[in-house]
Amino acid sequence: MSKWWQFWKKEEKSSNAIRSIMQRNSATWSAREFVAFATEGYRDNPTVRACIMAKQKAAIECPIILVNEKGEAVENHPILALL
């Protein structure tokens, strides 16, 4: 029977249990490339996807007005068809 003041005595654990814990909690590192970080962030993170979708919607709603050198709006131009 242990005494209440002997709570600091550490317990011995088997080496197999420690080894299995260390193997399960090992770190995994991704490649240090921008494309890998972006792909992983977009694929695995719903917050990143939501932010990108919000930026897309804001860009779509942004009005684009083409003006000539006089400052007048141009209605028909090939670049407007591309945008």
Protein backbone atom coordinates (compact mmCIF):
# COMPACT_ATOMS: atom_id res chain seq x y z
CA MET A 1 0.00 0.00 0.00
CA SER A 2 1.46 3.35 -1.02
CA LYS A 3 1.33 6.39 1.17
CA TRP A 4 -0.40 9.55 -0.10
CA TRP A 5 2.87 11.53 0.11
CA GLN A 6 4.64 9.09 -2.23
CA PHE A 7 2.73 10.23 -5.30
CA TRP A 8 5.97 11.35 -6.99
CA LYS A 9 7.33 7.84 -7.37
CA LYS A 10 7.39 7.09 -11.07
CA GLU A 11 6.06 3.89 -12.47
CA GLU A 12 8.10 1.65 -14.68
CA LYS A 13 6.74 1.04 -18.17
CA SER A 14 7.70 -1.71 -20.50
CA SER A 15 10.03 -0.79 -23.35
CA ASN A 16 7.59 -2.22 -25.93
CA ALA A 17 4.87 0.21 -24.86
CA ILE A 18 7.24 3.17 -25.09
CA ARG A 19 8.50 2.06 -28.49
CA SER A 20 4.97 1.72 -29.89
CA ILE A 21 3.99 5.15 -28.55
CA MET A 22 7.04 6.76 -30.12
CA GLN A 23 6.33 5.13 -33.48
CA ARG A 24 2.70 6.28 -33.53
CA ASN A 25 3.48 9.88 -32.59
CA SER A 26 6.27 10.44 -35.08
CA ALA A 27 6.13 13.66 -37.05
CA THR A 28 5.51 13.73 -40.77
CA TRP A 29 6.92 16.60 -42.79
CA SER A 30 5.72 17.80 -46.15
CA ALA A 31 7.99 19.00 -48.92
CA ARG A 32 9.31 22.55 -48.62
CA GLU A 33 7.87 23.76 -51.89
CA PHE A 34 5.24 26.42 -52.43
CA VAL A 35 3.18 24.20 -54.73
CA ALA A 36 3.17 21.38 -52.16
CA PHE A 37 2.12 23.74 -49.36
CA ALA A 38 -0.61 25.31 -51.48
CA THR A 39 -1.94 21.95 -52.66
CA GLU A 40 -1.97 20.50 -49.15
CA GLY A 41 -3.57 23.63 -47.71
CA TYR A 42 -6.30 23.74 -50.32
CA ARG A 43 -6.95 20.00 -50.25
CA ASP A 44 -6.92 19.43 -46.49
CA ASN A 45 -8.13 22.70 -45.01
CA PRO A 46 -11.76 23.81 -45.40
CA THR A 47 -10.92 27.29 -44.08
CA VAL A 48 -8.44 27.84 -46.91
CA ARG A 49 -11.03 26.69 -49.45
CA ALA A 50 -13.63 29.07 -47.98
CA CYS A 51 -11.20 32.01 -48.14
CA ILE A 52 -10.32 31.27 -51.76
CA MET A 53 -14.00 31.00 -52.70
CA ALA A 54 -14.73 34.34 -50.97
CA LYS A 55 -11.92 36.01 -52.93
CA GLN A 56 -13.24 34.49 -56.16
CA LYS A 57 -16.74 35.81 -55.53
CA ALA A 58 -15.39 39.27 -54.69
CA ALA A 59 -13.31 39.32 -57.88
CA ILE A 60 -16.28 38.26 -60.01
CA GLU A 61 -18.46 41.03 -58.58
CA CYS A 62 -15.80 43.71 -59.14
CA PRO A 63 -16.80 45.90 -62.11
CA ILE A 64 -14.20 46.22 -64.87
CA ILE A 65 -14.39 49.39 -66.95
CA LEU A 66 -12.04 49.94 -69.87
CA VAL A 67 -11.28 53.57 -70.67
CA ASN A 68 -9.42 55.11 -73.58
CA GLU A 69 -6.72 57.78 -73.34
CA LYS A 70 -9.39 60.50 -73.15
CA GLY A 71 -10.97 58.88 -70.08
CA GLU A 72 -14.12 57.74 -71.91
CA ALA A 73 -15.53 54.28 -71.26
CA VAL A 74 -15.10 51.79 -74.08
CA GLU A 75 -18.05 49.42 -74.50
CA ASN A 76 -16.73 46.91 -77.06
CA HIS A 77 -13.14 45.75 -77.07
CA PRO A 78 -11.53 42.30 -77.48
CA ILE A 79 -9.89 42.51 -74.07
CA LEU A 80 -13.32 42.90 -72.41
CA ALA A 81 -14.44 39.67 -74.05
CA LEU A 82 -11.44 37.89 -72.52
CA LEU A 83 -12.09 39.30 -69.05
